[in-house]
N, C-alpha and C. Protein backbone atom coordinates (compact mmCIF):
# COMPACT_ATOMS: atom_id res chain seq x y z
N MET A 1 112.47 13.22 114.04
CA MET A 1 111.36 14.12 113.80
C MET A 1 110.94 14.03 112.33
N ARG A 2 109.66 13.89 112.10
CA ARG A 2 109.14 13.78 110.74
C ARG A 2 109.01 15.16 110.11
N LYS A 3 109.42 15.26 108.86
CA LYS A 3 109.33 16.54 108.15
C LYS A 3 108.26 16.51 107.06
N ASP A 4 107.64 15.37 106.87
CA ASP A 4 106.66 15.26 105.79
C ASP A 4 105.22 15.45 106.27
N ILE A 5 105.05 16.01 107.46
CA ILE A 5 103.71 16.25 107.99
C ILE A 5 103.13 17.49 107.31
N LYS A 6 101.96 17.33 106.74
CA LYS A 6 101.30 18.45 106.07
C LYS A 6 100.24 19.02 107.01
N LEU A 7 100.24 20.33 107.14
CA LEU A 7 99.25 20.99 107.98
C LEU A 7 98.01 21.30 107.16
N PRO A 8 96.84 21.23 107.78
CA PRO A 8 95.60 21.48 107.04
C PRO A 8 95.50 22.91 106.53
N PHE A 9 94.76 23.07 105.45
CA PHE A 9 94.60 24.38 104.83
C PHE A 9 94.04 25.40 105.81
N LEU A 10 93.10 24.98 106.65
CA LEU A 10 92.49 25.90 107.62
C LEU A 10 93.55 26.50 108.54
N PHE A 11 94.52 25.69 108.94
CA PHE A 11 95.61 26.19 109.78
C PHE A 11 96.37 27.31 109.07
N TRP A 12 96.71 27.08 107.80
CA TRP A 12 97.46 28.09 107.04
C TRP A 12 96.62 29.34 106.82
N ALA A 13 95.33 29.17 106.57
CA ALA A 13 94.45 30.32 106.36
C ALA A 13 94.40 31.19 107.61
N ILE A 14 94.30 30.55 108.77
CA ILE A 14 94.28 31.30 110.03
C ILE A 14 95.63 31.98 110.26
N LEU A 15 96.70 31.26 109.98
CA LEU A 15 98.04 31.83 110.16
C LEU A 15 98.25 33.06 109.27
N ILE A 16 97.78 32.99 108.04
CA ILE A 16 97.91 34.14 107.13
C ILE A 16 97.10 35.32 107.63
N LYS A 17 95.91 35.05 108.11
CA LYS A 17 95.08 36.13 108.67
C LYS A 17 95.78 36.78 109.86
N LEU A 18 96.40 35.98 110.71
CA LEU A 18 97.12 36.52 111.85
C LEU A 18 98.35 37.31 111.40
N GLY A 19 98.90 36.94 110.25
CA GLY A 19 100.06 37.64 109.72
C GLY A 19 99.78 39.10 109.44
N PHE A 20 98.53 39.43 109.16
CA PHE A 20 98.18 40.82 108.90
C PHE A 20 98.23 41.66 110.17
N LEU A 21 98.34 41.00 111.31
CA LEU A 21 98.46 41.74 112.57
C LEU A 21 99.89 42.22 112.82
N ILE A 22 100.83 41.67 112.05
CA ILE A 22 102.23 42.10 112.18
C ILE A 22 102.34 43.51 111.63
N PRO A 23 102.94 44.40 112.39
CA PRO A 23 103.05 45.79 111.92
C PRO A 23 103.81 45.87 110.59
N SER A 24 103.32 46.70 109.69
CA SER A 24 103.94 46.80 108.37
C SER A 24 105.35 47.37 108.45
N ASN A 25 105.64 48.16 109.50
CA ASN A 25 107.00 48.69 109.61
C ASN A 25 108.00 47.56 109.89
N TYR A 26 107.56 46.49 110.53
CA TYR A 26 108.44 45.33 110.77
C TYR A 26 108.81 44.69 109.43
N ILE A 27 107.83 44.50 108.58
CA ILE A 27 108.07 43.91 107.27
C ILE A 27 108.97 44.82 106.44
N ARG A 28 108.72 46.11 106.50
CA ARG A 28 109.55 47.07 105.77
C ARG A 28 110.99 47.02 106.27
N ASP A 29 111.18 46.91 107.59
CA ASP A 29 112.52 46.83 108.16
C ASP A 29 113.26 45.57 107.68
N VAL A 30 112.55 44.46 107.62
CA VAL A 30 113.17 43.21 107.17
C VAL A 30 113.59 43.34 105.71
N LYS A 31 112.74 43.93 104.88
CA LYS A 31 113.08 44.12 103.47
C LYS A 31 114.29 45.04 103.32
N GLU A 32 114.36 46.08 104.12
CA GLU A 32 115.51 46.99 104.09
C GLU A 32 116.78 46.26 104.52
N GLN A 33 116.67 45.37 105.49
CA GLN A 33 117.83 44.60 105.93
C GLN A 33 118.34 43.69 104.81
N ILE A 34 117.42 43.09 104.06
CA ILE A 34 117.81 42.25 102.93
C ILE A 34 118.51 43.09 101.87
N GLU A 35 117.96 44.26 101.56
CA GLU A 35 118.57 45.14 100.56
C GLU A 35 119.97 45.57 101.01
N THR A 36 120.11 45.94 102.28
CA THR A 36 121.40 46.36 102.81
C THR A 36 122.41 45.22 102.76
N LEU A 37 121.97 44.03 103.15
CA LEU A 37 122.85 42.86 103.10
C LEU A 37 123.36 42.63 101.69
N LEU A 38 122.45 42.67 100.72
CA LEU A 38 122.86 42.45 99.34
C LEU A 38 123.78 43.55 98.85
N ASP A 39 123.47 44.79 99.18
CA ASP A 39 124.32 45.90 98.77
C ASP A 39 125.73 45.75 99.33
N GLU A 40 125.83 45.42 100.61
CA GLU A 40 127.14 45.30 101.26
C GLU A 40 127.92 44.10 100.74
N LYS A 41 127.27 42.97 100.61
CA LYS A 41 127.97 41.74 100.23
C LYS A 41 128.28 41.67 98.75
N LEU A 42 127.43 42.24 97.92
CA LEU A 42 127.61 42.11 96.48
C LEU A 42 128.41 43.25 95.87
N LEU A 43 128.41 44.40 96.51
CA LEU A 43 129.07 45.57 95.94
C LEU A 43 130.59 45.41 95.88
N HIS A 44 131.17 44.87 96.92
CA HIS A 44 132.63 44.79 97.02
C HIS A 44 133.14 43.36 96.96
N ASN A 45 132.34 42.45 96.47
CA ASN A 45 132.73 41.06 96.55
C ASN A 45 132.31 40.32 95.29
N ASN A 46 133.28 39.72 94.61
CA ASN A 46 132.98 38.91 93.43
C ASN A 46 133.07 37.42 93.74
N GLU A 47 133.10 37.07 95.02
CA GLU A 47 133.20 35.68 95.42
C GLU A 47 131.81 35.09 95.62
N ASP A 48 131.76 33.77 95.71
CA ASP A 48 130.49 33.09 95.98
C ASP A 48 130.04 33.40 97.40
N ILE A 49 128.74 33.54 97.57
CA ILE A 49 128.15 33.84 98.88
C ILE A 49 127.00 32.87 99.11
N LEU A 50 126.93 32.32 100.32
CA LEU A 50 125.80 31.47 100.71
C LEU A 50 124.94 32.25 101.68
N ILE A 51 123.67 32.41 101.34
CA ILE A 51 122.72 33.10 102.21
C ILE A 51 121.66 32.08 102.61
N VAL A 52 121.50 31.88 103.90
CA VAL A 52 120.46 30.98 104.42
C VAL A 52 119.35 31.86 104.96
N ILE A 53 118.14 31.66 104.47
CA ILE A 53 117.05 32.56 104.81
C ILE A 53 115.74 31.77 104.89
N HIS A 54 114.81 32.27 105.63
CA HIS A 54 113.49 31.64 105.77
C HIS A 54 112.78 31.66 104.42
N GLY A 55 112.02 30.62 104.16
CA GLY A 55 111.33 30.50 102.88
C GLY A 55 110.41 31.67 102.56
N ALA A 56 109.77 32.22 103.58
CA ALA A 56 108.87 33.35 103.35
C ALA A 56 109.63 34.56 102.83
N LEU A 57 110.88 34.71 103.22
CA LEU A 57 111.69 35.84 102.77
C LEU A 57 112.44 35.53 101.48
N MET A 58 112.50 34.25 101.12
CA MET A 58 113.22 33.84 99.91
C MET A 58 112.61 34.46 98.67
N ILE A 59 111.31 34.63 98.66
CA ILE A 59 110.64 35.23 97.50
C ILE A 59 111.11 36.67 97.30
N TYR A 60 111.22 37.41 98.39
CA TYR A 60 111.70 38.79 98.29
C TYR A 60 113.18 38.82 97.93
N LEU A 61 113.98 37.92 98.49
CA LEU A 61 115.40 37.84 98.16
C LEU A 61 115.58 37.56 96.67
N LYS A 62 114.79 36.63 96.14
CA LYS A 62 114.86 36.31 94.71
C LYS A 62 114.56 37.55 93.88
N LYS A 63 113.53 38.28 94.25
CA LYS A 63 113.15 39.50 93.53
C LYS A 63 114.30 40.51 93.53
N GLU A 64 114.94 40.69 94.66
CA GLU A 64 116.05 41.64 94.76
C GLU A 64 117.26 41.18 93.95
N LEU A 65 117.55 39.89 93.96
CA LEU A 65 118.67 39.38 93.17
C LEU A 65 118.41 39.55 91.68
N LEU A 66 117.20 39.28 91.24
CA LEU A 66 116.86 39.46 89.82
C LEU A 66 116.97 40.93 89.42
N LYS A 67 116.57 41.84 90.32
CA LYS A 67 116.70 43.28 90.04
C LYS A 67 118.16 43.67 89.87
N ARG A 68 119.06 42.97 90.54
CA ARG A 68 120.49 43.28 90.49
C ARG A 68 121.22 42.53 89.37
N GLY A 69 120.47 41.89 88.48
CA GLY A 69 121.07 41.26 87.31
C GLY A 69 121.43 39.80 87.47
N PHE A 70 121.03 39.17 88.55
CA PHE A 70 121.31 37.75 88.74
C PHE A 70 120.28 36.92 88.00
N LYS A 71 120.68 35.71 87.63
CA LYS A 71 119.76 34.76 87.00
C LYS A 71 119.69 33.54 87.90
N GLY A 72 118.47 33.01 88.01
CA GLY A 72 118.29 31.85 88.87
C GLY A 72 117.01 31.12 88.55
N PRO A 73 116.72 30.10 89.33
CA PRO A 73 115.54 29.28 89.07
C PRO A 73 114.24 30.04 89.28
N LYS A 74 113.23 29.59 88.56
CA LYS A 74 111.90 30.18 88.72
C LYS A 74 111.13 29.30 89.71
N PHE A 75 110.50 29.93 90.68
CA PHE A 75 109.66 29.21 91.64
C PHE A 75 108.68 30.20 92.25
N LYS A 76 107.54 29.67 92.64
CA LYS A 76 106.56 30.49 93.34
C LYS A 76 106.69 30.31 94.84
N VAL A 77 106.84 29.06 95.25
CA VAL A 77 107.01 28.75 96.67
C VAL A 77 108.30 27.95 96.80
N PRO A 78 109.28 28.46 97.55
CA PRO A 78 110.55 27.73 97.69
C PRO A 78 110.35 26.43 98.48
N GLU A 79 111.07 25.39 98.06
CA GLU A 79 111.01 24.11 98.76
C GLU A 79 111.88 24.17 100.00
N ASN A 80 111.46 23.49 101.03
CA ASN A 80 112.18 23.47 102.29
C ASN A 80 113.52 22.74 102.13
N GLY A 81 114.60 23.39 102.52
CA GLY A 81 115.92 22.78 102.51
C GLY A 81 116.58 22.67 101.15
N LYS A 82 116.01 23.25 100.13
CA LYS A 82 116.58 23.17 98.78
C LYS A 82 117.54 24.33 98.55
N LEU A 83 118.63 24.04 97.85
CA LEU A 83 119.62 25.05 97.51
C LEU A 83 119.23 25.70 96.18
N TYR A 84 119.08 27.00 96.18
CA TYR A 84 118.78 27.76 94.97
C TYR A 84 120.02 28.57 94.62
N VAL A 85 120.50 28.42 93.39
CA VAL A 85 121.72 29.10 92.96
C VAL A 85 121.34 30.23 92.01
N PHE A 86 121.79 31.43 92.35
CA PHE A 86 121.61 32.61 91.50
C PHE A 86 123.00 33.05 91.07
N GLU A 87 123.16 33.30 89.79
CA GLU A 87 124.47 33.65 89.26
C GLU A 87 124.41 34.94 88.47
N LYS A 88 125.54 35.63 88.48
CA LYS A 88 125.67 36.86 87.70
C LYS A 88 127.05 36.84 87.07
N GLU A 89 127.09 37.19 85.79
CA GLU A 89 128.38 37.26 85.11
C GLU A 89 129.04 38.59 85.43
N PHE A 90 130.25 38.51 85.95
CA PHE A 90 131.02 39.71 86.23
C PHE A 90 132.00 39.93 85.10
N ILE A 91 132.00 41.13 84.59
CA ILE A 91 132.87 41.45 83.44
C ILE A 91 134.21 41.95 83.94
């Protein structure tokens, strides 16, 4: 299966417009799940953690990690299949 196929801009524009049909409470629930996951996994754990998440949610995950004192790479749109490392110094 080829992964380098680029979809036309019109397709993405239509997809984004359809995205507004998704109920906002669904998006809010997903964000709350990310916050809960981070709170549970990071509060009692100083070990390395691997989180695999959809690229669309990676932007929000990055924002939450930065709010919690982590440092990591700067990006606007995450690359498909790329590993992003966020680190925090524990005293």
